[in-house]
Amino acid sequence: MNLLGNPAVSSPGSRRVLVVTHTGRIEASKVASAFCEQVEKAGLGVRLLADEAPLIGRHGTFGAEVVDSSDAAADDCELVVVFGGDGTILRGAELARPSGTPLLGVNLGRVGFLAEADVDHLESTVEHVVARTYAVEERLTVDVTVLVAGEQTVTDWALNEASVEKAARERMLEVVVEVDGRPLSRLGCDGVVCATPTGSTAYNFSAGGPVVWPEVAALLMVPISAHALFARPLVVSPDSVLAIELLSPGVKGVGSGVLWCDGRRTVALPRGARVEVCRGREPVRLARLHPTLFTDRLVRKFGLPVSGWRGGA
């Protein structure tokens, strides 16, 4: 392959895919390399990230355009193909979202809810990519704004969830949660998760929140280990605005917090900070190879027992 400093330049109008992989796993790099070789033989161009290219290229022989990891990395690509677990797929989503490029996840993790294909079916995946026999669905995201003393300090987004958590293990987080501009409840807690339907099977699920089918447009708010009269998971309109206010420094025993977006990007929150979460302006587009019902996906990913079912034919 072409190494850093000598990128192959794809001709205008040619088909190409951006390949992203979990470089911490040799298996992922080998599978990604085999995928690159096969799609190149079928006439597609391959684009790799600069920090991943040397390792992927070590396991195969193919030409590749090498680019830096940036918002423009997926420009002019018809797919972003990710090899790894949900964490790597979330990284791929960061690259795919700015250009609206569909994202196809090939699962090398354990549960892998965001993944569409399995590593054992690589040849079939290549066939779908080359023939463009896949559907694309849009997934709701959330936009996140942090305000301190009334001034906007940070903006971010998330596909799965934005969570506000306590910064110090020994201190409880004291917050007031708000929906659509009205205060709902004051909570002493370890944190609050604001999730999308896509993220309902991720941190939201672990925190005791409901599983929501992806086609349902909604926002979720789930307190974590809360001490309060009313601390139930909430499902609200996708047009609602959720807010979490950390109580001010004048409240005894109150700690500062941390904002996490998809468990990848973090922002320190001083006491008195306010975090607002609303429906994202830009969705993430996921490529689907098979018209699998979400119920079947749940059963397969979680290994749910369904023996004895005597439903319809």
C-alpha atoms as a PDB file:
ATOM      1  CA  MET A   1       0.000   0.000   0.000  1.00  0.00           C
ATOM      2  CA  ASN A   2       1.007   3.632  -0.209  1.00  0.00           C
ATOM      3  CA  LEU A   3       2.545   4.771   3.053  1.00  0.00           C
ATOM      4  CA  LEU A   4       2.243   8.116   4.811  1.00  0.00           C
ATOM      5  CA  GLY A   5       3.646  11.035   2.875  1.00  0.00           C
ATOM      6  CA  ASN A   6       2.887   9.304  -0.441  1.00  0.00           C
ATOM      7  CA  PRO A   7      -0.900   9.087  -0.579  1.00  0.00           C
ATOM      8  CA  ALA A   8      -2.657   7.652  -3.589  1.00  0.00           C
ATOM      9  CA  VAL A   9      -5.032  10.223  -5.043  1.00  0.00           C
ATOM     10  CA  SER A  10      -8.404   8.901  -6.219  1.00  0.00           C
ATOM     11  CA  SER A  11      -9.662  10.251  -9.513  1.00  0.00           C
ATOM     12  CA  PRO A  12     -12.722  12.535  -9.453  1.00  0.00           C
ATOM     13  CA  GLY A  13     -15.975  10.587  -9.587  1.00  0.00           C
ATOM     14  CA  SER A  14     -14.419   7.228  -8.631  1.00  0.00           C
ATOM     15  CA  ARG A  15     -16.091   5.086  -6.003  1.00  0.00           C
ATOM     16  CA  ARG A  16     -14.303   4.874  -2.686  1.00  0.00           C
ATOM     17  CA  VAL A  17     -14.868   3.809   0.916  1.00  0.00           C
ATOM     18  CA  LEU A  18     -13.269   5.030   4.136  1.00  0.00           C
ATOM     19  CA  VAL A  19     -12.105   2.134   6.303  1.00  0.00           C
ATOM     20  CA  VAL A  20     -11.803   2.616  10.077  1.00  0.00           C
ATOM     21  CA  THR A  21     -10.559  -0.088  12.423  1.00  0.00           C
ATOM     22  CA  HIS A  22      -9.708  -0.914  16.020  1.00  0.00           C
ATOM     23  CA  THR A  23      -5.927  -0.860  15.649  1.00  0.00           C
ATOM     24  CA  GLY A  24      -5.476  -2.196  19.173  1.00  0.00           C
ATOM     25  CA  ARG A  25      -6.656  -5.584  17.922  1.00  0.00           C
ATOM     26  CA  ILE A  26      -4.523  -7.413  15.365  1.00  0.00           C
ATOM     27  CA  GLU A  27      -7.568  -9.404  14.210  1.00  0.00           C
ATOM     28  CA  ALA A  28      -9.383  -6.183  13.285  1.00  0.00           C
ATOM     29  CA  SER A  29      -6.428  -4.929  11.235  1.00  0.00           C
ATOM     30  CA  LYS A  30      -6.135  -8.258   9.387  1.00  0.00           C
ATOM     31  CA  VAL A  31      -9.844  -8.356   8.546  1.00  0.00           C
ATOM     32  CA  ALA A  32      -9.795  -4.690   7.470  1.00  0.00           C
ATOM     33  CA  SER A  33      -6.806  -5.426   5.226  1.00  0.00           C
ATOM     34  CA  ALA A  34      -8.599  -8.391   3.609  1.00  0.00           C
ATOM     35  CA  PHE A  35     -11.660  -6.191   3.025  1.00  0.00           C
ATOM     36  CA  CYS A  36      -9.498  -3.492   1.392  1.00  0.00           C
ATOM     37  CA  GLU A  37      -7.925  -6.026  -0.952  1.00  0.00           C
ATOM     38  CA  GLN A  38     -11.287  -7.455  -2.014  1.00  0.00           C
ATOM     39  CA  VAL A  39     -13.062  -4.158  -2.661  1.00  0.00           C
ATOM     40  CA  GLU A  40     -10.055  -2.831  -4.554  1.00  0.00           C
ATOM     41  CA  LYS A  41     -10.126  -5.892  -6.827  1.00  0.00           C
ATOM     42  CA  ALA A  42     -13.802  -5.066  -7.462  1.00  0.00           C
ATOM     43  CA  GLY A  43     -12.843  -1.573  -8.624  1.00  0.00           C
ATOM     44  CA  LEU A  44     -13.447   0.550  -5.514  1.00  0.00           C
ATOM     45  CA  GLY A  45     -10.909   2.928  -4.042  1.00  0.00           C
ATOM     46  CA  VAL A  46      -9.854   2.643  -0.402  1.00  0.00           C
ATOM     47  CA  ARG A  47      -9.215   5.521   1.982  1.00  0.00           C
ATOM     48  CA  LEU A  48      -7.454   5.007   5.338  1.00  0.00           C
ATOM     49  CA  LEU A  49      -6.722   7.238   8.304  1.00  0.00           C
ATOM     50  CA  ALA A  50      -3.104   8.277   8.699  1.00  0.00           C
ATOM     51  CA  ASP A  51      -2.698   6.752  12.154  1.00  0.00           C
ATOM     52  CA  GLU A  52      -4.218   3.412  11.052  1.00  0.00           C
ATOM     53  CA  ALA A  53      -2.753   2.992   7.579  1.00  0.00           C
ATOM     54  CA  PRO A  54       0.661   1.494   8.525  1.00  0.00           C
ATOM     55  CA  LEU A  55      -0.858  -1.313  10.617  1.00  0.00           C
ATOM     56  CA  ILE A  56      -3.617  -2.209   8.144  1.00  0.00           C
ATOM     57  CA  GLY A  57      -1.175  -2.092   5.227  1.00  0.00           C
ATOM     58  CA  ARG A  58       1.138  -4.487   7.019  1.00  0.00           C
ATOM     59  CA  HIS A  59      -1.336  -7.337   6.444  1.00  0.00           C
ATOM     60  CA  GLY A  60      -2.088  -6.933   2.739  1.00  0.00           C
ATOM     61  CA  THR A  61      -1.192  -5.498  -0.645  1.00  0.00           C
ATOM     62  CA  PHE A  62      -3.436  -2.781  -2.035  1.00  0.00           C
ATOM     63  CA  GLY A  63      -3.391   0.875  -2.917  1.00  0.00           C
ATOM     64  CA  ALA A  64      -4.932   3.382  -0.516  1.00  0.00           C
ATOM     65  CA  GLU A  65      -5.513   7.084  -0.187  1.00  0.00           C
ATOM     66  CA  VAL A  66      -4.272   8.223   3.226  1.00  0.00           C
ATOM     67  CA  VAL A  67      -5.951  11.146   5.017  1.00  0.00           C
ATOM     68  CA  ASP A  68      -5.859  12.755   8.427  1.00  0.00           C
ATOM     69  CA  SER A  69      -8.645  12.091  10.898  1.00  0.00           C
ATOM     70  CA  SER A  70     -10.908  15.132  10.511  1.00  0.00           C
ATOM     71  CA  ASP A  71     -14.451  16.212   9.680  1.00  0.00           C
ATOM     72  CA  ALA A  72     -13.505  15.954   6.005  1.00  0.00           C
ATOM     73  CA  ALA A  73     -12.147  12.394   6.189  1.00  0.00           C
ATOM     74  CA  ALA A  74     -15.284  10.822   4.666  1.00  0.00           C
ATOM     75  CA  ASP A  75     -15.897  13.478   1.999  1.00  0.00           C
ATOM     76  CA  ASP A  76     -16.620  11.922  -1.424  1.00  0.00           C
ATOM     77  CA  CYS A  77     -16.844   8.416   0.088  1.00  0.00           C
ATOM     78  CA  GLU A  78     -19.968   6.327  -0.425  1.00  0.00           C
ATOM     79  CA  LEU A  79     -19.494   4.417   2.844  1.00  0.00           C
ATOM     80  CA  VAL A  80     -17.526   4.472   6.070  1.00  0.00           C
ATOM     81  CA  VAL A  81     -16.828   0.822   6.929  1.00  0.00           C
ATOM     82  CA  VAL A  82     -15.789   0.193  10.531  1.00  0.00           C
ATOM     83  CA  PHE A  83     -14.161  -2.965  11.916  1.00  0.00           C
ATOM     84  CA  GLY A  84     -14.490  -3.234  15.691  1.00  0.00           C
ATOM     85  CA  GLY A  85     -16.981  -3.029  18.526  1.00  0.00           C
ATOM     86  CA  ASP A  86     -19.469  -0.277  19.336  1.00  0.00           C
ATOM     87  CA  GLY A  87     -16.717   2.018  20.634  1.00  0.00           C
ATOM     88  CA  THR A  88     -14.904   1.946  17.295  1.00  0.00           C
ATOM     89  CA  ILE A  89     -18.200   2.376  15.436  1.00  0.00           C
ATOM     90  CA  LEU A  90     -18.923   5.490  17.518  1.00  0.00           C
ATOM     91  CA  ARG A  91     -15.532   6.828  16.423  1.00  0.00           C
ATOM     92  CA  GLY A  92     -16.513   6.069  12.846  1.00  0.00           C
ATOM     93  CA  ALA A  93     -19.760   7.976  13.392  1.00  0.00           C
ATOM     94  CA  GLU A  94     -17.748  11.072  14.313  1.00  0.00           C
ATOM     95  CA  LEU A  95     -16.068  10.863  10.905  1.00  0.00           C
ATOM     96  CA  ALA A  96     -19.193   9.969   8.906  1.00  0.00           C
ATOM     97  CA  ARG A  97     -21.671  12.487  10.341  1.00  0.00           C
ATOM     98  CA  PRO A  98     -20.190  15.770   8.987  1.00  0.00           C
ATOM     99  CA  SER A  99     -20.523  14.603   5.366  1.00  0.00           C
ATOM    100  CA  GLY A 100     -23.693  12.544   5.863  1.00  0.00           C
ATOM    101  CA  THR A 101     -21.868   9.410   4.666  1.00  0.00           C
ATOM    102  CA  PRO A 102     -23.584   6.119   5.619  1.00  0.00           C
ATOM    103  CA  LEU A 103     -21.791   4.029   8.231  1.00  0.00           C
ATOM    104  CA  LEU A 104     -21.460   0.246   8.056  1.00  0.00           C
ATOM    105  CA  GLY A 105     -20.227  -1.548  11.168  1.00  0.00           C
ATOM    106  CA  VAL A 106     -18.566  -4.975  11.021  1.00  0.00           C
ATOM    107  CA  ASN A 107     -18.677  -6.462  14.502  1.00  0.00           C
ATOM    108  CA  LEU A 108     -15.536  -7.701  16.211  1.00  0.00           C
ATOM    109  CA  GLY A 109     -16.782  -6.879  19.705  1.00  0.00           C
ATOM    110  CA  ARG A 110     -19.090  -8.742  22.048  1.00  0.00           C
ATOM    111  CA  VAL A 111     -22.630  -7.371  21.771  1.00  0.00           C
ATOM    112  CA  GLY A 112     -22.149  -4.837  18.973  1.00  0.00           C
ATOM    113  CA  PHE A 113     -25.632  -3.322  18.678  1.00  0.00           C
ATOM    114  CA  LEU A 114     -24.452  -0.701  16.192  1.00  0.00           C
ATOM    115  CA  ALA A 115     -22.836  -3.279  13.929  1.00  0.00           C
ATOM    116  CA  GLU A 116     -24.696  -4.637  10.922  1.00  0.00           C
ATOM    117  CA  ALA A 117     -22.334  -7.356   9.698  1.00  0.00           C
ATOM    118  CA  ASP A 118     -20.256 -10.046  11.393  1.00  0.00           C
ATOM    119  CA  VAL A 119     -16.605 -10.719  10.680  1.00  0.00           C
ATOM    120  CA  ASP A 120     -17.440 -14.315   9.697  1.00  0.00           C
ATOM    121  CA  HIS A 121     -19.392 -13.057   6.670  1.00  0.00           C
ATOM    122  CA  LEU A 122     -16.738 -10.809   5.140  1.00  0.00           C
ATOM    123  CA  GLU A 123     -17.215 -11.991   1.546  1.00  0.00           C
ATOM    124  CA  SER A 124     -20.958 -11.338   1.743  1.00  0.00           C
ATOM    125  CA  THR A 125     -20.285  -7.885   3.189  1.00  0.00           C
ATOM    126  CA  VAL A 126     -17.933  -7.085   0.313  1.00  0.00           C
ATOM    127  CA  GLU A 127     -20.590  -8.193  -2.187  1.00  0.00           C
ATOM    128  CA  HIS A 128     -23.182  -5.893  -0.618  1.00  0.00           C
ATOM    129  CA  VAL A 129     -20.781  -2.947  -0.605  1.00  0.00           C
ATOM    130  CA  VAL A 130     -19.695  -3.448  -4.220  1.00  0.00           C
ATOM    131  CA  ALA A 131     -23.263  -3.981  -5.489  1.00  0.00           C
ATOM    132  CA  ARG A 132     -24.663  -1.189  -3.257  1.00  0.00           C
ATOM    133  CA  THR A 133     -27.330  -3.599  -2.025  1.00  0.00           C
ATOM    134  CA  TYR A 134     -27.917  -1.997   1.332  1.00  0.00           C
ATOM    135  CA  ALA A 135     -30.543   0.265   2.838  1.00  0.00           C
ATOM    136  CA  VAL A 136     -29.726   3.456   4.729  1.00  0.00           C
ATOM    137  CA  GLU A 137     -31.615   4.554   7.822  1.00  0.00           C
ATOM    138  CA  GLU A 138     -31.227   7.791   9.745  1.00  0.00           C
ATOM    139  CA  ARG A 139     -30.672   7.615  13.500  1.00  0.00           C
ATOM    140  CA  LEU A 140     -31.617  10.448  15.813  1.00  0.00           C
ATOM    141  CA  THR A 141     -28.732  12.188  17.603  1.00  0.00           C
ATOM    142  CA  VAL A 142     -28.634  14.762  20.408  1.00  0.00           C
ATOM    143  CA  ASP A 143     -26.989  18.166  20.510  1.00  0.00           C
ATOM    144  CA  VAL A 144     -25.480  19.157  23.848  1.00  0.00           C
ATOM    145  CA  THR A 145     -24.811  22.660  25.199  1.00  0.00           C
ATOM    146  CA  VAL A 146     -22.974  23.573  28.410  1.00  0.00           C
ATOM    147  CA  LEU A 147     -23.650  26.935  30.035  1.00  0.00           C
ATOM    148  CA  VAL A 148     -21.689  28.398  32.941  1.00  0.00           C
ATOM    149  CA  ALA A 149     -22.972  31.608  34.549  1.00  0.00           C
ATOM    150  CA  GLY A 150     -25.371  31.957  31.641  1.00  0.00           C
ATOM    151  CA  GLU A 151     -22.589  31.851  29.042  1.00  0.00           C
ATOM    152  CA  GLN A 152     -22.311  29.037  26.505  1.00  0.00           C
ATOM    153  CA  THR A 153     -18.942  27.352  26.987  1.00  0.00           C
ATOM    154  CA  VAL A 154     -19.182  24.045  25.091  1.00  0.00           C
ATOM    155  CA  THR A 155     -21.276  22.483  22.327  1.00  0.00           C
ATOM    156  CA  ASP A 156     -21.109  18.810  21.392  1.00  0.00           C
ATOM    157  CA  TRP A 157     -23.309  15.957  20.155  1.00  0.00           C
ATOM    158  CA  ALA A 158     -23.909  12.246  20.712  1.00  0.00           C
ATOM    159  CA  LEU A 159     -25.376   9.259  18.892  1.00  0.00           C
ATOM    160  CA  ASN A 160     -25.927   7.077  21.970  1.00  0.00           C
ATOM    161  CA  GLU A 161     -26.056   9.361  24.975  1.00  0.00           C
ATOM    162  CA  ALA A 162     -24.845  12.414  26.835  1.00  0.00           C
ATOM    163  CA  SER A 163     -24.314  11.722  30.522  1.00  0.00           C
ATOM    164  CA  VAL A 164     -23.636  14.065  33.425  1.00  0.00           C
ATOM    165  CA  GLU A 165     -21.740  12.245  36.158  1.00  0.00           C
ATOM    166  CA  LYS A 166     -20.075  13.069  39.456  1.00  0.00           C
ATOM    167  CA  ALA A 167     -16.417  13.997  39.217  1.00  0.00           C
ATOM    168  CA  ALA A 168     -15.381  12.580  42.604  1.00  0.00           C
ATOM    169  CA  ARG A 169     -16.281   9.100  43.796  1.00  0.00           C
ATOM    170  CA  GLU A 170     -16.785  10.184  47.392  1.00  0.00           C
ATOM    171  CA  ARG A 171     -19.182  13.030  46.588  1.00  0.00           C
ATOM    172  CA  MET A 172     -22.754  12.790  45.421  1.00  0.00           C
ATOM    173  CA  LEU A 173     -23.915  14.942  42.544  1.00  0.00           C
ATOM    174  CA  GLU A 174     -26.801  17.240  43.439  1.00  0.00           C
ATOM    175  CA  VAL A 175     -28.829  18.334  40.430  1.00  0.00           C
ATOM    176  CA  VAL A 176     -32.185  19.679  39.364  1.00  0.00           C
ATOM    177  CA  VAL A 177     -33.534  18.103  36.181  1.00  0.00           C
ATOM    178  CA  GLU A 178     -35.750  20.050  33.814  1.00  0.00           C
ATOM    179  CA  VAL A 179     -38.014  19.218  30.870  1.00  0.00           C
ATOM    180  CA  ASP A 180     -39.163  21.863  28.386  1.00  0.00           C
ATOM    181  CA  GLY A 181     -38.144  24.784  30.549  1.00  0.00           C
ATOM    182  CA  ARG A 182     -39.863  23.565  33.723  1.00  0.00           C
ATOM    183  CA  PRO A 183     -38.134  22.014  36.773  1.00  0.00           C
ATOM    184  CA  LEU A 184     -39.110  18.395  37.384  1.00  0.00           C
ATOM    185  CA  SER A 185     -37.159  17.118  40.389  1.00  0.00           C
ATOM    186  CA  ARG A 186     -34.080  17.644  42.527  1.00  0.00           C
ATOM    187  CA  LEU A 187     -31.853  14.577  42.719  1.00  0.00           C
ATOM    188  CA  GLY A 188     -28.911  13.409  44.762  1.00  0.00           C
ATOM    189  CA  CYS A 189     -27.315  10.922  42.370  1.00  0.00           C
ATOM    190  CA  ASP A 190     -24.242   9.512  40.668  1.00  0.00           C
ATOM    191  CA  GLY A 191     -25.371  11.107  37.432  1.00  0.00           C
ATOM    192  CA  VAL A 192     -28.050  11.453  34.750  1.00  0.00           C
ATOM    193  CA  VAL A 193     -28.087   9.823  31.305  1.00  0.00           C
ATOM    194  CA  CYS A 194     -29.817  11.539  28.371  1.00  0.00           C
ATOM    195  CA  ALA A 195     -30.087   8.938  25.605  1.00  0.00           C
ATOM    196  CA  THR A 196     -31.424   8.393  22.113  1.00  0.00           C
ATOM    197  CA  PRO A 197     -33.370   5.289  21.022  1.00  0.00           C
ATOM    198  CA  THR A 198     -30.134   4.032  19.426  1.00  0.00           C
ATOM    199  CA  GLY A 199     -28.403   4.441  22.792  1.00  0.00           C
ATOM    200  CA  SER A 200     -31.206   2.780  24.739  1.00  0.00           C
ATOM    201  CA  THR A 201     -29.301  -0.542  24.603  1.00  0.00           C
ATOM    202  CA  ALA A 202     -26.044   1.079  25.774  1.00  0.00           C
ATOM    203  CA  TYR A 203     -25.420   3.084  28.989  1.00  0.00           C
ATOM    204  CA  ASN A 204     -29.146   3.780  29.310  1.00  0.00           C
ATOM    205  CA  PHE A 205     -29.797   0.031  29.507  1.00  0.00           C
ATOM    206  CA  SER A 206     -27.133  -0.466  32.181  1.00  0.00           C
ATOM    207  CA  ALA A 207     -28.622   2.406  34.206  1.00  0.00           C
ATOM    208  CA  GLY A 208     -32.057   0.760  34.232  1.00  0.00           C
ATOM    209  CA  GLY A 209     -33.636   2.719  31.397  1.00  0.00           C
ATOM    210  CA  PRO A 210     -36.113   1.269  28.875  1.00  0.00           C
ATOM    211  CA  VAL A 211     -35.203  -0.324  25.568  1.00  0.00           C
ATOM    212  CA  VAL A 212     -36.703   1.811  22.775  1.00  0.00           C
ATOM    213  CA  TRP A 213     -37.147   0.590  19.203  1.00  0.00           C
ATOM    214  CA  PRO A 214     -34.947   2.631  16.809  1.00  0.00           C
ATOM    215  CA  GLU A 215     -37.886   3.819  14.685  1.00  0.00           C
ATOM    216  CA  VAL A 216     -39.459   5.485  17.736  1.00  0.00           C
ATOM    217  CA  ALA A 217     -38.558   9.182  17.853  1.00  0.00           C
ATOM    218  CA  ALA A 218     -37.967  10.070  21.500  1.00  0.00           C
ATOM    219  CA  LEU A 219     -35.447  11.294  24.061  1.00  0.00           C
ATOM    220  CA  LEU A 220     -34.712   9.444  27.301  1.00  0.00           C
ATOM    221  CA  MET A 221     -33.601  10.719  30.715  1.00  0.00           C
ATOM    222  CA  VAL A 222     -32.424   8.194  33.313  1.00  0.00           C
ATOM    223  CA  PRO A 223     -31.054   9.054  36.789  1.00  0.00           C
ATOM    224  CA  ILE A 224     -28.125   6.923  37.990  1.00  0.00           C
ATOM    225  CA  SER A 225     -28.297   5.636  41.595  1.00  0.00           C
ATOM    226  CA  ALA A 226     -30.581   8.507  42.576  1.00  0.00           C
ATOM    227  CA  HIS A 227     -31.830   9.342  46.073  1.00  0.00           C
ATOM    228  CA  ALA A 228     -35.124  11.134  45.506  1.00  0.00           C
ATOM    229  CA  LEU A 229     -38.881  10.721  45.818  1.00  0.00           C
ATOM    230  CA  PHE A 230     -39.220  10.744  42.017  1.00  0.00           C
ATOM    231  CA  ALA A 231     -36.267   9.262  40.135  1.00  0.00           C
ATOM    232  CA  ARG A 232     -37.825   7.192  37.380  1.00  0.00           C
ATOM    233  CA  PRO A 233     -36.630   6.873  33.777  1.00  0.00           C
ATOM    234  CA  LEU A 234     -38.411   9.309  31.467  1.00  0.00           C
ATOM    235  CA  VAL A 235     -39.323   9.035  27.785  1.00  0.00           C
ATOM    236  CA  VAL A 236     -40.208  12.405  26.267  1.00  0.00           C
ATOM    237  CA  SER A 237     -40.941  13.968  22.892  1.00  0.00           C
ATOM    238  CA  PRO A 238     -38.020  14.221  20.429  1.00  0.00           C
ATOM    239  CA  ASP A 239     -38.776  17.949  20.313  1.00  0.00           C
ATOM    240  CA  SER A 240     -38.379  18.380  24.068  1.00  0.00           C
ATOM    241  CA  VAL A 241     -35.368  20.050  25.662  1.00  0.00           C
ATOM    242  CA  LEU A 242     -33.814  18.275  28.643  1.00  0.00           C
ATOM    243  CA  ALA A 243     -31.660  20.176  31.118  1.00  0.00           C
ATOM    244  CA  ILE A 244     -29.535  19.225  34.102  1.00  0.00           C
ATOM    245  CA  GLU A 245     -28.402  21.937  36.520  1.00  0.00           C
ATOM    246  CA  LEU A 246     -25.620  21.251  39.015  1.00  0.00           C
ATOM    247  CA  LEU A 247     -26.386  22.992  42.270  1.00  0.00           C
ATOM    248  CA  SER A 248     -24.268  26.006  43.060  1.00  0.00           C
ATOM    249  CA  PRO A 249     -21.167  26.148  45.302  1.00  0.00           C
ATOM    250  CA  GLY A 250     -23.252  27.496  48.164  1.00  0.00           C
ATOM    251  CA  VAL A 251     -24.862  24.098  48.737  1.00  0.00           C
ATOM    252  CA  LYS A 252     -22.885  22.128  51.322  1.00  0.00           C
ATOM    253  CA  GLY A 253     -21.416  18.788  50.227  1.00  0.00           C
ATOM    254  CA  VAL A 254     -22.155  19.265  46.550  1.00  0.00           C
ATOM    255  CA  GLY A 255     -19.502  18.082  44.080  1.00  0.00           C
ATOM    256  CA  SER A 256     -18.583  19.114  40.573  1.00  0.00           C
ATOM    257  CA  GLY A 257     -19.419  16.971  37.556  1.00  0.00           C
ATOM    258  CA  VAL A 258     -18.254  15.625  34.213  1.00  0.00           C
ATOM    259  CA  LEU A 259     -20.098  15.562  30.895  1.00  0.00           C
ATOM    260  CA  TRP A 260     -19.492  12.524  28.688  1.00  0.00           C
ATOM    261  CA  CYS A 261     -20.669  12.352  25.056  1.00  0.00           C
ATOM    262  CA  ASP A 262     -20.895   8.751  23.816  1.00  0.00           C
ATOM    263  CA  GLY A 263     -18.328   7.807  26.465  1.00  0.00           C
ATOM    264  CA  ARG A 264     -15.635   9.296  24.207  1.00  0.00           C
ATOM    265  CA  ARG A 265     -15.501  13.054  24.706  1.00  0.00           C
ATOM    266  CA  THR A 266     -15.472  14.612  28.157  1.00  0.00           C
ATOM    267  CA  VAL A 267     -15.950  18.108  29.595  1.00  0.00           C
ATOM    268  CA  ALA A 268     -15.417  19.185  33.213  1.00  0.00           C
ATOM    269  CA  LEU A 269     -18.517  20.767  34.761  1.00  0.00           C
ATOM    270  CA  PRO A 270     -18.110  23.252  37.631  1.00  0.00           C
ATOM    271  CA  ARG A 271     -20.780  23.542  40.274  1.00  0.00           C
ATOM    272  CA  GLY A 272     -23.543  25.766  38.975  1.00  0.00           C
ATOM    273  CA  ALA A 273     -23.138  24.560  35.368  1.00  0.00           C
ATOM    274  CA  ARG A 274     -26.169  23.820  33.209  1.00  0.00           C
ATOM    275  CA  VAL A 275     -26.294  21.114  30.505  1.00  0.00           C
ATOM    276  CA  GLU A 276     -29.004  21.260  27.839  1.00  0.00           C
ATOM    277  CA  VAL A 277     -29.795  18.299  25.565  1.00  0.00           C
ATOM    278  CA  CYS A 278     -32.065  18.410  22.512  1.00  0.00           C
ATOM    279  CA  ARG A 279     -32.635  16.585  19.245  1.00  0.00           C
ATOM    280  CA  GLY A 280     -29.553  16.832  17.033  1.00  0.00           C
ATOM    281  CA  ARG A 281     -29.591  18.904  13.876  1.00  0.00           C
ATOM    282  CA  GLU A 282     -27.667  16.212  11.986  1.00  0.00           C
ATOM    283  CA  PRO A 283     -28.560  12.494  12.190  1.00  0.00           C
ATOM    284  CA  VAL A 284     -26.164   9.600  11.720  1.00  0.00           C
ATOM    285  CA  ARG A 285     -26.919   7.419   8.696  1.00  0.00           C
ATOM    286  CA  LEU A 286     -26.485   3.669   9.206  1.00  0.00           C
ATOM    287  CA  ALA A 287     -26.183   1.195   6.333  1.00  0.00           C
ATOM    288  CA  ARG A 288     -28.252  -1.967   6.741  1.00  0.00           C
ATOM    289  CA  LEU A 289     -27.512  -5.140   4.777  1.00  0.00           C
ATOM    290  CA  HIS A 290     -30.438  -7.210   6.016  1.00  0.00           C
ATOM    291  CA  PRO A 291     -34.063  -6.228   6.886  1.00  0.00           C
ATOM    292  CA  THR A 292     -33.789  -7.693  10.399  1.00  0.00           C
ATOM    293  CA  LEU A 293     -36.505  -6.805  12.893  1.00  0.00           C
ATOM    294  CA  PHE A 294     -35.213  -5.096  16.038  1.00  0.00           C
ATOM    295  CA  THR A 295     -36.893  -7.796  18.153  1.00  0.00           C
ATOM    296  CA  ASP A 296     -34.767 -10.439  16.457  1.00  0.00           C
ATOM    297  CA  ARG A 297     -31.694  -8.267  16.908  1.00  0.00           C
ATOM    298  CA  LEU A 298     -32.365  -8.024  20.654  1.00  0.00           C
ATOM    299  CA  VAL A 299     -32.784 -11.796  20.935  1.00  0.00           C
ATOM    300  CA  ARG A 300     -29.581 -12.473  19.002  1.00  0.00           C
ATOM    301  CA  LYS A 301     -27.360  -9.849  20.636  1.00  0.00           C
ATOM    302  CA  PHE A 302     -28.437 -10.604  24.212  1.00  0.00           C
ATOM    303  CA  GLY A 303     -28.925 -14.348  23.712  1.00  0.00           C
ATOM    304  CA  LEU A 304     -32.480 -14.114  25.041  1.00  0.00           C
ATOM    305  CA  PRO A 305     -34.315 -17.410  25.710  1.00  0.00           C
ATOM    306  CA  VAL A 306     -37.246 -17.839  23.290  1.00  0.00           C
ATOM    307  CA  SER A 307     -37.553 -21.632  23.189  1.00  0.00           C
ATOM    308  CA  GLY A 308     -41.161 -22.753  23.523  1.00  0.00           C
ATOM    309  CA  TRP A 309     -42.530 -19.818  21.504  1.00  0.00           C
ATOM    310  CA  ARG A 310     -45.539 -20.893  19.447  1.00  0.00           C
ATOM    311  CA  GLY A 311     -46.327 -17.697  17.578  1.00  0.00           C
ATOM    312  CA  GLY A 312     -47.274 -17.135  13.968  1.00  0.00           C
ATOM    313  CA  ALA A 313     -45.925 -19.215  11.127  1.00  0.00           C
END
